[in-house]
Amino acid sequence: MSVRVRYAPSPTGYLHVGGLRTALYNCLFARQKGGRLILRIEDTDQTRRVEGAVENLLSVFDWIGLAFDEGPHAGGAFGPYVQSERLDLYRRHVSQLAEAGHAYACFCSPQTLEAMRAEQAAQNRIPMYDRRCRRLSRNEAEKRIGAGEPHVWRMAVPERRDVLVRDLIRGEVRFESATLDDQVLLKSDGFPTYHLANVVDDHLMQISHVIRGEEWLPSTPKHVLLYEFFGWEAPQFAHLPLLLNPDRSKMSKRSGDVAVEDYRKKGILPEVLINFVALLGWHPSDDREIFSLSELVREFSLERVGKAGAVFDQTKLLWMNAEYIKAQSDEALFENVRRALADLIALNGEPRVKYALVVLRGGVTSYDDAVKRVREVFAPLPPADPEMAALLDDETARAVVQELETRLAKLPAPLWLRFDELETAFKQCAQEAGQTRGLKGKNLWRAVRAAMTGQPHGPELARLVGIWGRERVLAELKRSLATVIGHAPC
């Protein structure tokens, strides 16, 4: 049988990183086996549907670089690929189950069900439907349906038997049927629940492998029973381990960023997110940690997916992002942040902004980090550090700064955009200014830094002059001299 796998999200908002991992593993498996990857939108719970969620989902997958072979956007021979467009199929299949005695109509009101759950909770029993409508005769049920009484359809779970789930990751898992609820299959509004629609669609779309999160494992025996009721061969199942926070709690919106969009906004590269998410549960055959998508396709196997929960370590994600950025050329990095720096480029010119990025890029962990560094170096200076400002109370230091300003003002304008030459010229001007007053070494450069920035630390001064340009460098030197008590501007 040819490999056909699917990713089947509900259009309820953002794409969770766990959803991305499920989609990625399905994609890697399909590509490695020469199979097909299907996108199916499971929108049977209309109360949770978010307008624009499908479009956002497709946009995120386009950004991340995962392509589907079939789906609502790509078409295919097994559509429609949106469950709300397949309602007649589900109704026909429920009728088929009812005829065979595997489904029954339930007329219990929400109030009745709530009272039932409350009584069971008071008795420390597992909340389950007590099957009272299952005891109705077929004639009575048909009369009530004919009279227009609201009802749902439930599956009739067999009593006193084991249900075996064979899982490619977890092996054989047994469930006692006594622990399985008579699940609602078709709601009173005519929409199916996940359980019915999932099984019917996977069969009709010829899905060979169901690769999904561990949270669906408890529901799988119900699905196995439905395959049995219909007389269909079940696909192979593989349930992926949970994603955990560093404290080993389950990842949730309450515990931090869980949406792919959150990391996109932070400047995480799509290829980094793919690489990082692939390692959340899957272990390569060696100690490598950096993989391209094509390398992941070659290396991936469900046999190397573990059972234990996988920790989502944001520190490691940032490290990996930094490694990818480190490998980018200066030109590529600049193009990736150009839009975010458009206002600075308009004010300062592209050469100086690009130069700032190049000299400040060491150790950046994300595009956001790179943009932040560049913005900070062009921003107005904070109030001077008192200790640094005190250096300019010295008459010798002031004289050296004034001499440096004079020398820099004489440098030809074109030189201020030839950054390597400017670095050399600036250092020469500073050393010559120091020689006029006998100031050199550490004392010279601390005085110059005090005059230029007023801060004890910061970018290398010889590079800062290229970033700021002639007008600002001279203006900062004049300002620092003017702020010294009793000293007038030059």
Protein backbone atom coordinates (compact mmCIF):
# COMPACT_ATOMS: atom_id res chain seq x y z
CA MET A 1 0.00 0.00 0.00
CA SER A 2 1.33 3.44 -0.88
CA VAL A 3 2.10 5.80 1.99
CA ARG A 4 -0.52 8.50 2.53
CA VAL A 5 -0.38 10.60 5.68
CA ARG A 6 -2.33 13.64 6.81
CA TYR A 7 -2.08 16.64 9.07
CA ALA A 8 -5.58 17.51 10.26
CA PRO A 9 -5.75 20.70 12.35
CA SER A 10 -8.83 22.49 13.64
CA PRO A 11 -9.13 26.14 12.52
CA THR A 12 -9.17 27.47 16.08
CA GLY A 13 -6.37 30.04 15.89
CA TYR A 14 -2.60 29.89 15.91
CA LEU A 15 -0.42 26.92 14.92
CA HIS A 16 0.99 25.34 18.10
CA VAL A 17 4.62 24.22 17.91
CA GLY A 18 3.32 20.74 18.75
CA GLY A 19 1.14 20.94 15.66
CA LEU A 20 4.16 21.99 13.64
CA ARG A 21 6.07 18.93 14.87
CA THR A 22 3.17 16.64 13.94
CA ALA A 23 2.98 18.17 10.47
CA LEU A 24 6.77 17.97 10.09
CA TYR A 25 7.00 14.29 11.09
CA ASN A 26 4.18 13.45 8.69
CA CYS A 27 6.01 15.39 5.97
CA LEU A 28 9.38 13.72 6.63
CA PHE A 29 7.79 10.27 6.65
CA ALA A 30 5.87 10.89 3.41
CA ARG A 31 8.85 12.35 1.57
CA GLN A 32 11.17 9.55 2.66
CA LYS A 33 8.69 6.88 1.58
CA GLY A 34 7.73 8.58 -1.67
CA GLY A 35 4.20 9.07 -0.36
CA ARG A 36 1.63 11.86 -0.21
CA LEU A 37 1.06 14.50 2.46
CA ILE A 38 -2.54 15.68 2.88
CA LEU A 39 -3.89 18.73 4.70
CA ARG A 40 -7.41 18.22 6.06
CA ILE A 41 -9.29 20.90 7.99
CA GLU A 42 -11.29 19.43 10.86
CA ASP A 43 -13.86 22.14 11.54
CA THR A 44 -16.74 20.09 12.92
CA ASP A 45 -16.75 22.12 16.16
CA GLN A 46 -18.13 25.31 14.65
CA THR A 47 -18.22 27.08 18.04
CA ARG A 48 -14.41 27.13 18.13
CA ARG A 49 -13.79 28.12 14.53
CA VAL A 50 -11.74 31.30 14.14
CA GLU A 51 -12.21 33.41 11.03
CA GLY A 52 -9.04 33.53 8.93
CA ALA A 53 -7.39 30.64 10.81
CA VAL A 54 -7.05 28.46 7.72
CA GLU A 55 -5.49 31.28 5.72
CA ASN A 56 -3.07 32.00 8.57
CA LEU A 57 -2.21 28.32 8.81
CA LEU A 58 -1.37 28.16 5.11
CA SER A 59 0.70 31.33 5.43
CA VAL A 60 2.72 29.87 8.30
CA PHE A 61 3.37 26.63 6.41
CA ASP A 62 4.43 28.63 3.37
CA TRP A 63 6.89 30.57 5.57
CA ILE A 64 8.18 27.40 7.21
CA GLY A 65 8.61 25.65 3.86
CA LEU A 66 6.28 22.65 4.28
CA ALA A 67 4.24 21.87 1.17
CA PHE A 68 1.14 19.65 1.04
CA ASP A 69 0.33 17.45 -1.93
CA GLU A 70 -3.43 17.59 -1.38
CA GLY A 71 -5.72 19.87 0.59
CA PRO A 72 -8.30 22.65 0.40
CA HIS A 73 -5.72 24.92 -1.23
CA ALA A 74 -4.16 22.30 -3.52
CA GLY A 75 -7.12 20.12 -4.49
CA GLY A 76 -6.85 16.38 -5.02
CA ALA A 77 -8.87 13.29 -5.85
CA PHE A 78 -10.17 12.72 -2.30
CA GLY A 79 -11.83 16.06 -1.51
CA PRO A 80 -13.47 17.99 -0.17
CA TYR A 81 -10.70 18.44 2.38
CA VAL A 82 -12.79 20.49 4.82
CA GLN A 83 -14.99 18.40 7.09
CA SER A 84 -17.90 20.87 7.20
CA GLU A 85 -18.26 20.19 3.47
CA ARG A 86 -18.59 16.41 4.03
CA LEU A 87 -21.60 16.26 6.38
CA ASP A 88 -23.71 13.94 4.20
CA LEU A 89 -20.91 11.37 4.29
CA TYR A 90 -20.92 11.26 8.08
CA ARG A 91 -24.72 11.01 8.32
CA ARG A 92 -24.75 8.07 5.91
CA HIS A 93 -22.07 6.28 7.90
CA VAL A 94 -23.88 6.80 11.19
CA SER A 95 -26.98 5.28 9.61
CA GLN A 96 -24.87 2.33 8.56
CA LEU A 97 -23.65 1.87 12.13
CA ALA A 98 -27.16 2.18 13.54
CA GLU A 99 -28.51 -0.44 11.14
CA ALA A 100 -25.83 -2.86 12.35
CA GLY A 101 -26.51 -2.11 16.01
CA HIS A 102 -23.22 -0.26 16.58
CA ALA A 103 -24.81 3.16 17.18
CA TYR A 104 -27.94 4.37 18.94
CA ALA A 105 -29.94 7.57 19.38
CA CYS A 106 -29.54 9.38 22.71
CA PHE A 107 -32.23 11.85 23.80
CA CYS A 108 -30.69 12.97 27.12
CA SER A 109 -30.76 16.74 27.62
CA PRO A 110 -27.68 18.73 28.70
CA GLN A 111 -29.25 19.09 32.14
CA THR A 112 -29.67 15.32 32.45
CA LEU A 113 -26.07 14.74 31.43
CA GLU A 114 -24.82 17.35 33.89
CA ALA A 115 -26.76 15.77 36.75
CA MET A 116 -25.37 12.36 35.73
CA ARG A 117 -21.78 13.64 35.84
CA ALA A 118 -22.35 15.35 39.20
CA GLU A 119 -23.70 12.14 40.75
CA GLN A 120 -20.77 10.12 39.40
CA ALA A 121 -18.27 12.68 40.69
CA ALA A 122 -19.89 12.56 44.14
CA GLN A 123 -19.39 8.79 44.12
CA ASN A 124 -15.75 9.12 42.91
CA ARG A 125 -16.64 7.34 39.69
CA ILE A 126 -15.22 8.12 36.25
CA PRO A 127 -17.71 10.42 34.47
CA MET A 128 -19.26 8.39 31.64
CA TYR A 129 -22.62 8.17 29.93
CA ASP A 130 -24.71 5.57 31.79
CA ARG A 131 -26.16 4.16 28.54
CA ARG A 132 -29.78 4.64 29.56
CA CYS A 133 -30.86 5.44 25.97
CA ARG A 134 -29.07 2.33 24.77
CA ARG A 135 -31.79 0.34 26.55
CA LEU A 136 -34.57 1.94 24.48
CA SER A 137 -36.23 -0.32 21.93
CA ARG A 138 -35.62 0.49 18.29
CA ASN A 139 -39.33 1.27 17.77
CA GLU A 140 -39.41 3.73 20.66
CA ALA A 141 -36.27 5.46 19.46
CA GLU A 142 -37.67 5.77 15.93
CA LYS A 143 -40.92 7.24 17.24
CA ARG A 144 -39.10 9.88 19.23
CA ILE A 145 -36.89 10.73 16.28
CA GLY A 146 -39.99 10.95 14.04
CA ALA A 147 -41.61 13.31 16.55
CA GLY A 148 -38.68 15.67 16.13
CA GLU A 149 -37.18 15.14 19.58
CA PRO A 150 -33.57 16.46 19.72
CA HIS A 151 -31.02 13.67 19.85
CA VAL A 152 -27.42 12.70 19.23
CA TRP A 153 -25.99 9.42 17.98
CA ARG A 154 -23.62 7.46 20.22
CA MET A 155 -21.41 4.48 19.45
CA ALA A 156 -22.33 1.25 21.23
CA VAL A 157 -19.08 0.18 22.85
CA PRO A 158 -18.96 -3.62 23.31
CA GLU A 159 -19.01 -4.77 26.90
CA ARG A 160 -16.38 -6.89 28.66
CA ARG A 161 -13.67 -7.07 26.06
CA ASP A 162 -10.18 -5.73 25.46
CA VAL A 163 -9.36 -3.39 22.59
CA LEU A 164 -5.80 -3.67 21.29
CA VAL A 165 -4.01 -0.69 19.78
CA ARG A 166 -0.82 -1.48 17.90
CA ASP A 167 1.37 1.60 17.88
CA LEU A 168 4.62 2.00 15.93
CA ILE A 169 6.18 3.96 18.80
CA ARG A 170 4.58 2.44 21.91
CA GLY A 171 4.05 -1.14 20.85
CA GLU A 172 0.84 -2.89 21.89
CA VAL A 173 -1.45 -0.96 24.24
CA ARG A 174 -4.57 -2.67 25.66
CA PHE A 175 -7.73 -0.93 26.79
CA GLU A 176 -10.66 -2.46 28.66
CA SER A 177 -13.94 -1.60 26.96
CA ALA A 178 -15.44 -0.86 30.39
CA THR A 179 -13.24 2.25 30.50
CA LEU A 180 -14.51 3.53 27.13
CA ASP A 181 -17.46 5.91 27.00
CA ASP A 182 -20.29 5.47 24.52
CA GLN A 183 -18.88 8.35 22.53
CA VAL A 184 -21.14 10.83 20.72
CA LEU A 185 -20.60 10.32 17.00
CA LEU A 186 -23.10 12.75 15.49
CA LYS A 187 -24.33 15.84 17.33
CA SER A 188 -27.87 17.17 17.31
CA ASP A 189 -26.88 19.88 14.80
CA GLY A 190 -25.88 17.23 12.26
CA PHE A 191 -22.14 17.76 12.69
CA PRO A 192 -19.96 14.76 13.55
CA THR A 193 -17.56 14.63 16.46
CA TYR A 194 -13.85 14.23 15.83
CA HIS A 195 -14.01 10.47 16.39
CA LEU A 196 -16.46 9.65 13.61
CA ALA A 197 -15.22 12.18 11.08
CA ASN A 198 -11.61 11.25 11.70
CA VAL A 199 -12.16 7.55 11.04
CA VAL A 200 -14.46 8.01 8.03
CA ASP A 201 -12.15 10.53 6.39
CA ASP A 202 -8.96 8.58 7.05
CA HIS A 203 -10.55 5.53 5.41
CA LEU A 204 -12.04 7.35 2.43
CA MET A 205 -8.82 9.32 1.87
CA GLN A 206 -6.84 6.07 2.03
CA ILE A 207 -4.61 7.20 4.87
CA SER A 208 -1.99 4.52 5.53
CA HIS A 209 -0.39 5.94 8.69
CA VAL A 210 -1.88 8.16 11.40
CA ILE A 211 0.96 10.10 13.02
CA ARG A 212 -0.37 12.38 15.76
CA GLY A 213 0.18 13.54 19.33
CA GLU A 214 0.11 11.33 22.40
CA GLU A 215 -2.99 13.10 23.69
CA TRP A 216 -5.03 11.13 21.12
CA LEU A 217 -3.87 7.71 22.31
CA PRO A 218 -6.77 7.29 24.83
CA SER A 219 -9.23 7.91 21.98
CA THR A 220 -7.60 5.42 19.64
CA PRO A 221 -9.43 2.30 20.97
CA LYS A 222 -12.71 4.00 20.02
CA HIS A 223 -11.31 4.53 16.54
CA VAL A 224 -10.14 0.92 16.35
CA LEU A 225 -13.68 -0.19 17.23
CA LEU A 226 -15.17 2.04 14.54
CA TYR A 227 -12.86 0.51 11.94
CA GLU A 228 -14.01 -2.89 13.16
CA PHE A 229 -17.69 -1.90 13.02
CA PHE A 230 -17.34 -0.67 9.43
CA GLY A 231 -15.32 -3.72 8.40
CA TRP A 232 -12.37 -1.58 7.36
CA GLU A 233 -8.65 -2.16 7.83
CA ALA A 234 -7.25 0.39 10.29
CA PRO A 235 -4.22 2.47 9.36
CA GLN A 236 -0.97 2.11 11.29
CA PHE A 237 -0.81 4.41 14.31
CA ALA A 238 2.13 6.34 15.74
CA HIS A 239 1.56 8.58 18.76
CA LEU A 240 4.23 11.22 19.33
CA PRO A 241 5.50 12.14 22.81
CA LEU A 242 4.26 15.27 24.55
CA LEU A 243 6.15 18.56 24.37
CA LEU A 244 7.20 19.74 27.83
CA ASN A 245 8.47 22.91 29.46
CA PRO A 246 11.92 22.74 31.11
CA ASP A 247 10.15 21.98 34.43
CA ARG A 248 8.55 19.02 32.60
CA SER A 249 5.05 20.49 32.74
CA LYS A 250 3.00 20.24 29.54
CA MET A 251 3.49 23.12 27.14
CA SER A 252 0.48 25.42 27.11
CA LYS A 253 -0.33 29.03 26.28
CA ARG A 254 -0.26 29.81 30.01
CA SER A 255 3.35 28.69 30.29
CA GLY A 256 4.84 30.86 27.55
CA ASP A 257 5.15 31.13 23.80
CA VAL A 258 3.70 28.07 22.07
CA ALA A 259 2.62 29.51 18.71
CA VAL A 260 4.83 29.28 15.65
CA GLU A 261 3.97 32.93 15.01
CA ASP A 262 5.52 33.88 18.37
CA TYR A 263 8.89 32.57 17.23
CA ARG A 264 8.51 34.04 13.78
CA LYS A 265 8.03 37.48 15.37
CA LYS A 266 11.12 36.92 17.54
CA GLY A 267 13.24 36.45 14.44
CA ILE A 268 13.71 32.70 14.61
CA LEU A 269 14.60 31.46 11.14
CA PRO A 270 12.13 28.99 9.58
CA GLU A 271 14.90 26.48 8.84
CA VAL A 272 16.01 26.73 12.48
CA LEU A 273 12.50 26.08 13.78
CA ILE A 274 12.22 23.04 11.50
CA ASN A 275 15.62 21.75 12.64
CA PHE A 276 14.86 22.33 16.33
CA VAL A 277 11.33 20.88 16.29
CA ALA A 278 12.54 17.78 14.43
CA LEU A 279 14.76 16.93 17.42
CA LEU A 280 11.87 17.09 19.90
CA GLY A 281 11.32 13.38 20.32
CA TRP A 282 13.30 12.04 17.37
CA HIS A 283 16.93 11.05 17.86
CA PRO A 284 19.32 10.88 14.91
CA SER A 285 21.77 8.01 14.60
CA ASP A 286 24.71 10.23 15.62
CA ASP A 287 25.28 13.33 17.75
CA ARG A 288 24.58 15.85 15.00
CA GLU A 289 22.23 18.71 15.83
CA ILE A 290 22.24 20.81 12.65
CA PHE A 291 20.14 19.42 9.78
CA SER A 292 18.70 20.86 6.61
CA LEU A 293 15.19 19.77 5.60
CA SER A 294 16.57 17.47 2.90
CA GLU A 295 18.94 15.89 5.43
CA LEU A 296 16.03 15.34 7.83
CA VAL A 297 14.10 13.56 5.09
CA ARG A 298 17.01 11.18 4.56
CA GLU A 299 17.64 10.55 8.26
CA PHE A 300 14.14 10.46 9.79
CA SER A 301 12.52 7.25 10.99
CA LEU A 302 9.61 6.55 13.34
CA GLU A 303 11.73 3.83 14.95
CA ARG A 304 13.94 6.54 16.44
CA VAL A 305 11.05 8.50 17.95
CA GLY A 306 10.98 7.99 21.72
CA LYS A 307 8.09 7.57 24.15
CA ALA A 308 9.24 10.07 26.78
CA GLY A 309 8.13 13.70 26.69
CA ALA A 310 10.45 16.09 24.84
CA VAL A 311 11.59 19.30 26.55
CA PHE A 312 11.19 22.50 24.53
CA ASP A 313 14.35 24.37 25.57
CA GLN A 314 14.17 27.95 24.32
CA THR A 315 17.81 28.53 25.28
CA LYS A 316 18.85 25.79 22.90
CA LEU A 317 16.55 27.19 20.22
CA LEU A 318 18.28 30.58 20.50
CA TRP A 319 21.68 28.88 20.38
CA MET A 320 20.70 27.05 17.21
CA ASN A 321 19.35 30.27 15.70
CA ALA A 322 22.65 31.98 16.51
CA GLU A 323 24.56 29.19 14.78
CA TYR A 324 22.49 29.58 11.62
CA ILE A 325 22.87 33.37 11.66
CA LYS A 326 26.62 33.06 12.25
CA ALA A 327 26.82 31.03 9.05
CA GLN A 328 25.05 33.73 6.99
CA SER A 329 27.03 36.21 4.93
CA ASP A 330 26.89 39.89 5.88
CA GLU A 331 24.86 40.58 2.75
CA ALA A 332 22.32 37.85 3.51
CA LEU A 333 21.90 38.99 7.10
CA PHE A 334 21.38 42.59 6.04
CA GLU A 335 18.74 41.62 3.49
CA ASN A 336 16.89 39.66 6.16
CA VAL A 337 16.65 42.67 8.50
CA ARG A 338 16.50 45.46 5.91
CA ARG A 339 12.76 46.03 6.28
CA ALA A 340 13.01 46.27 10.07
CA LEU A 341 15.73 48.93 9.71
CA ALA A 342 14.09 50.93 6.90
CA ASP A 343 13.65 54.08 9.01
CA LEU A 344 17.30 54.10 10.11
CA ILE A 345 18.41 53.55 6.52
CA ALA A 346 16.34 56.56 5.42
CA LEU A 347 17.91 58.76 8.11
CA ASN A 348 21.50 57.54 8.07
CA GLY A 349 22.02 55.96 4.66
CA GLU A 350 22.33 52.29 3.81
CA PRO A 351 26.17 52.05 3.94
CA ARG A 352 26.39 53.18 7.58
CA VAL A 353 23.45 51.06 8.77
CA LYS A 354 24.87 48.02 7.02
CA TYR A 355 28.29 48.71 8.50
CA ALA A 356 26.73 48.93 11.97
CA LEU A 357 25.08 45.55 11.48
CA VAL A 358 28.32 43.97 10.32
CA VAL A 359 30.43 45.19 13.24
CA LEU A 360 27.76 44.43 15.85
CA ARG A 361 26.58 41.02 14.61
CA GLY A 362 28.90 38.90 16.74
CA GLY A 363 26.87 36.57 18.96
CA VAL A 364 23.41 37.72 17.87
CA THR A 365 20.78 35.07 18.58
CA SER A 366 17.99 36.27 16.28
CA TYR A 367 17.05 38.88 13.71
CA ASP A 368 15.32 40.80 16.49
CA ASP A 369 18.55 40.79 18.47
CA ALA A 370 20.47 42.11 15.45
CA VAL A 371 17.91 44.87 14.85
CA LYS A 372 17.91 45.82 18.53
CA ARG A 373 21.70 46.21 18.57
CA VAL A 374 21.69 48.42 15.50
CA ARG A 375 18.88 50.59 16.86
CA GLU A 376 20.66 51.01 20.18
CA VAL A 377 23.87 52.25 18.58
CA PHE A 378 22.00 54.91 16.59
CA ALA A 379 19.78 55.95 19.52
CA PRO A 380 20.43 59.10 21.60
CA LEU A 381 22.99 58.54 24.34
CA PRO A 382 21.86 58.00 27.94
CA PRO A 383 23.07 60.42 30.66
CA ALA A 384 26.84 60.19 31.09
CA ASP A 385 28.25 57.87 33.69
CA PRO A 386 29.47 60.12 36.57
CA GLU A 387 32.89 58.46 36.73
CA MET A 388 33.39 58.85 33.00
CA ALA A 389 32.16 62.43 33.02
CA ALA A 390 34.65 63.24 35.79
CA LEU A 391 37.52 62.34 33.44
CA LEU A 392 36.79 65.49 31.44
CA ASP A 393 37.27 67.68 34.50
CA ASP A 394 40.97 67.23 33.80
CA GLU A 395 42.35 70.10 31.69
CA THR A 396 44.72 67.80 29.79
CA ALA A 397 41.91 65.44 28.80
CA ARG A 398 39.77 68.34 27.61
CA ALA A 399 42.60 69.69 25.53
CA VAL A 400 43.17 66.29 23.91
CA VAL A 401 39.47 65.97 23.07
CA GLN A 402 39.42 69.44 21.58
CA GLU A 403 42.50 68.62 19.49
CA LEU A 404 40.86 65.36 18.34
CA GLU A 405 37.74 67.23 17.27
CA THR A 406 39.86 69.64 15.21
CA ARG A 407 41.72 66.84 13.49
CA LEU A 408 38.58 64.81 12.72
CA ALA A 409 36.85 67.88 11.27
CA LYS A 410 39.68 68.13 8.72
CA LEU A 411 39.25 64.59 7.41
CA PRO A 412 37.87 64.61 3.83
CA ALA A 413 34.12 63.83 3.59
CA PRO A 414 34.49 60.75 1.29
CA LEU A 415 36.74 59.12 3.89
CA TRP A 416 33.81 58.87 6.35
CA LEU A 417 32.22 56.20 4.15
CA ARG A 418 35.44 54.21 3.54
CA PHE A 419 35.11 52.44 6.87
CA ASP A 420 38.38 50.49 7.02
CA GLU A 421 40.39 53.59 6.12
CA LEU A 422 38.33 55.67 8.57
CA GLU A 423 39.18 53.32 11.44
CA THR A 424 42.89 53.78 10.75
CA ALA A 425 42.53 57.56 10.35
CA PHE A 426 40.56 57.91 13.59
CA LYS A 427 43.12 55.98 15.61
CA GLN A 428 45.90 58.10 14.13
CA CYS A 429 44.05 61.33 14.94
CA ALA A 430 43.45 60.23 18.52
CA GLN A 431 47.06 59.16 19.08
CA GLU A 432 48.42 62.38 17.58
CA ALA A 433 46.04 64.45 19.72
CA GLY A 434 47.26 62.56 22.79
CA GLN A 435 50.90 63.15 21.89
CA THR A 436 50.35 66.91 21.99
CA ARG A 437 49.59 66.64 25.72
CA GLY A 438 51.43 63.50 26.69
CA LEU A 439 48.29 61.39 27.03
CA LYS A 440 48.47 57.85 25.72
CA GLY A 441 47.36 54.25 26.16
CA LYS A 442 44.45 53.47 28.46
CA ASN A 443 44.20 57.03 29.76
CA LEU A 444 43.91 58.41 26.23
CA TRP A 445 41.15 56.03 25.13
CA ARG A 446 39.17 56.42 28.36
CA ALA A 447 39.16 60.19 27.85
CA VAL A 448 38.05 59.82 24.21
CA ARG A 449 35.30 57.35 25.21
CA ALA A 450 34.14 59.71 27.95
CA ALA A 451 33.85 62.49 25.38
CA MET A 452 32.17 60.45 22.67
CA THR A 453 29.70 58.31 24.64
CA GLY A 454 29.99 59.10 28.36
CA GLN A 455 29.80 55.35 29.04
CA PRO A 456 32.52 52.98 30.29
CA HIS A 457 31.66 50.29 27.75
CA GLY A 458 30.32 50.07 24.22
CA PRO A 459 31.28 49.45 20.61
CA GLU A 460 34.89 49.95 19.58
CA LEU A 461 35.35 53.71 19.14
CA ALA A 462 37.17 53.36 15.81
CA ARG A 463 34.09 51.62 14.45
CA LEU A 464 31.59 53.87 16.16
CA VAL A 465 32.83 56.84 14.14
CA GLY A 466 31.93 54.98 10.95
CA ILE A 467 28.52 54.07 12.30
CA TRP A 468 27.66 57.58 13.46
CA GLY A 469 29.27 59.56 10.67
CA ARG A 470 30.99 62.94 10.68
CA GLU A 471 28.14 65.15 11.91
CA ARG A 472 27.23 63.13 14.96
CA VAL A 473 30.80 62.34 16.03
CA LEU A 474 31.74 66.03 15.99
CA ALA A 475 28.46 66.99 17.66
CA GLU A 476 29.01 64.50 20.51
CA LEU A 477 32.54 65.78 21.09
CA LYS A 478 31.31 69.41 21.21
CA ARG A 479 28.47 68.44 23.54
CA SER A 480 30.76 66.67 26.00
CA LEU A 481 33.13 69.62 26.15
CA ALA A 482 30.25 72.06 26.58
CA THR A 483 28.85 70.18 29.56
CA VAL A 484 32.07 70.53 31.58
CA ILE A 485 31.55 73.32 34.16
CA GLY A 486 33.21 76.52 33.16
CA HIS A 487 34.13 75.29 29.69
CA ALA A 488 32.55 76.89 26.63
CA PRO A 489 31.80 75.03 23.37
CA CYS A 490 34.52 75.07 20.76
